[in-house]
Protein backbone atom coordinates (compact mmCIF):
# COMPACT_ATOMS: atom_id res chain seq x y z
CA UNK A 1 19.00 -21.26 -14.58
CA UNK A 2 14.86 -22.07 -13.69
CA UNK A 3 12.84 -21.48 -11.16
CA UNK A 4 8.81 -22.98 -10.24
CA UNK A 5 6.97 -21.10 -7.50
CA UNK A 6 5.32 -22.99 -4.80
CA UNK A 7 2.07 -23.83 -6.08
CA UNK A 8 2.63 -22.27 -9.82
CA UNK A 9 0.86 -25.09 -11.42
CA UNK A 10 -1.96 -25.54 -8.76
CA UNK A 11 -1.83 -26.88 -5.29
CA UNK A 12 0.08 -30.35 -6.77
CA UNK A 13 3.77 -28.80 -5.78
CA UNK A 14 5.00 -29.25 -2.22
CA UNK A 15 7.86 -26.81 -3.10
CA UNK A 16 9.66 -24.75 -4.52
CA UNK A 17 13.03 -25.47 -7.34
CA UNK A 18 15.69 -23.44 -8.62
CA UNK A 19 17.70 -25.43 -11.34
CA UNK A 20 20.83 -24.11 -12.38
CA UNK A 21 22.33 -26.18 -15.18
CA UNK A 22 24.09 -27.38 -18.36
CA UNK A 23 23.14 -28.13 -21.80
CA UNK A 24 22.77 -31.78 -21.80
CA UNK A 25 27.18 -33.49 -22.23
CA UNK A 26 27.62 -36.67 -24.28
CA UNK A 27 30.72 -38.12 -23.02
CA UNK A 28 32.72 -35.18 -20.93
CA UNK A 29 34.84 -35.05 -18.56
CA UNK A 30 31.86 -33.48 -15.92
CA UNK A 31 35.18 -32.36 -13.79
CA UNK A 32 35.56 -29.53 -15.89
CA UNK A 33 31.28 -28.51 -15.72
CA UNK A 34 31.33 -29.11 -12.41
CA UNK A 35 33.96 -26.71 -11.14
CA UNK A 36 31.97 -24.70 -13.91
CA UNK A 37 28.78 -24.51 -11.52
CA UNK A 38 30.70 -24.14 -8.29
CA UNK A 39 32.82 -20.93 -10.09
CA UNK A 40 29.40 -19.39 -10.17
CA UNK A 41 27.72 -20.97 -6.41
CA UNK A 42 30.99 -19.96 -4.57
CA UNK A 43 30.04 -16.21 -4.49
CA UNK A 44 26.94 -16.82 -3.10
CA UNK A 45 28.21 -19.39 -0.83
CA UNK A 46 27.39 -16.95 2.36
CA UNK A 47 23.35 -16.20 0.93
CA UNK A 48 22.88 -19.95 0.73
CA UNK A 49 24.12 -21.08 4.19
CA UNK A 50 22.12 -18.18 5.52
CA UNK A 51 18.96 -19.56 3.74
CA UNK A 52 19.34 -23.04 4.74
CA UNK A 53 20.14 -21.53 8.51
CA UNK A 54 16.93 -19.49 8.15
CA UNK A 55 14.73 -22.64 6.61
CA UNK A 56 16.55 -26.29 8.03
CA UNK A 57 13.95 -28.12 5.79
CA UNK A 58 15.41 -26.55 2.88
CA UNK A 59 17.75 -28.78 0.60
CA UNK A 60 20.41 -28.13 -1.98
CA UNK A 61 21.49 -31.05 -4.58
CA UNK A 62 24.30 -31.26 -6.84
CA UNK A 63 22.88 -33.98 -9.44
CA UNK A 64 24.70 -35.51 -12.26
CA UNK A 65 23.21 -36.82 -14.86
CA UNK A 66 25.37 -39.24 -16.79
CA UNK A 67 24.03 -39.97 -20.42
CA UNK A 68 26.42 -42.84 -21.89
CA UNK A 69 27.12 -42.36 -25.25
CA UNK A 70 30.09 -44.59 -26.99
CA UNK A 71 32.92 -43.70 -24.53
CA UNK A 72 32.38 -43.72 -20.67
CA UNK A 73 32.44 -40.30 -19.21
CA UNK A 74 34.66 -39.09 -16.25
CA UNK A 75 32.64 -38.56 -13.13
CA UNK A 76 34.95 -37.04 -10.40
CA UNK A 77 33.99 -34.56 -7.64
CA UNK A 78 37.45 -32.59 -6.39
CA UNK A 79 38.18 -31.67 -2.47
CA UNK A 80 37.04 -28.10 -3.47
CA UNK A 81 32.88 -29.61 -4.94
CA UNK A 82 33.37 -31.70 -1.84
CA UNK A 83 33.43 -28.69 0.68
CA UNK A 84 31.49 -26.71 -0.87
CA UNK A 85 28.75 -29.07 -0.34
CA UNK A 86 29.26 -29.81 2.94
CA UNK A 87 29.81 -26.32 3.50
CA UNK A 88 26.89 -25.46 3.04
CA UNK A 89 24.88 -28.55 3.95
CA UNK A 90 24.21 -30.35 0.10
CA UNK A 91 24.47 -33.77 -0.73
CA UNK A 92 25.23 -35.20 -4.41
CA UNK A 93 23.38 -37.64 -6.31
CA UNK A 94 24.55 -39.36 -9.74
CA UNK A 95 22.18 -41.31 -12.20
CA UNK A 96 23.90 -42.49 -14.88
CA UNK A 97 21.69 -43.56 -18.22
CA UNK A 98 22.46 -45.49 -21.23
CA UNK A 99 21.24 -43.50 -24.41
CA UNK A 100 21.82 -47.40 -26.46
């Protein structure tokens, strides 16, 4: 988990970013990793909703970054993941990079 406070690097940043991520994976089936993330975050769901309620400009983003290797990775979002992101007012973003 990585955390940077607003103005930590001077006056340039205009936001605070919290990041929770896995190590870089090549050619995985992402479903299992996403479910592990939801397992960790779901127990804090009420706190996340409360923070969003107190600060409406606060944004939650589930960002999946795919690094293509020799195989095509599987990308699947379960109903549970979609419901969780919807419940906390979050969005899902996917980026795909070809490493070759």
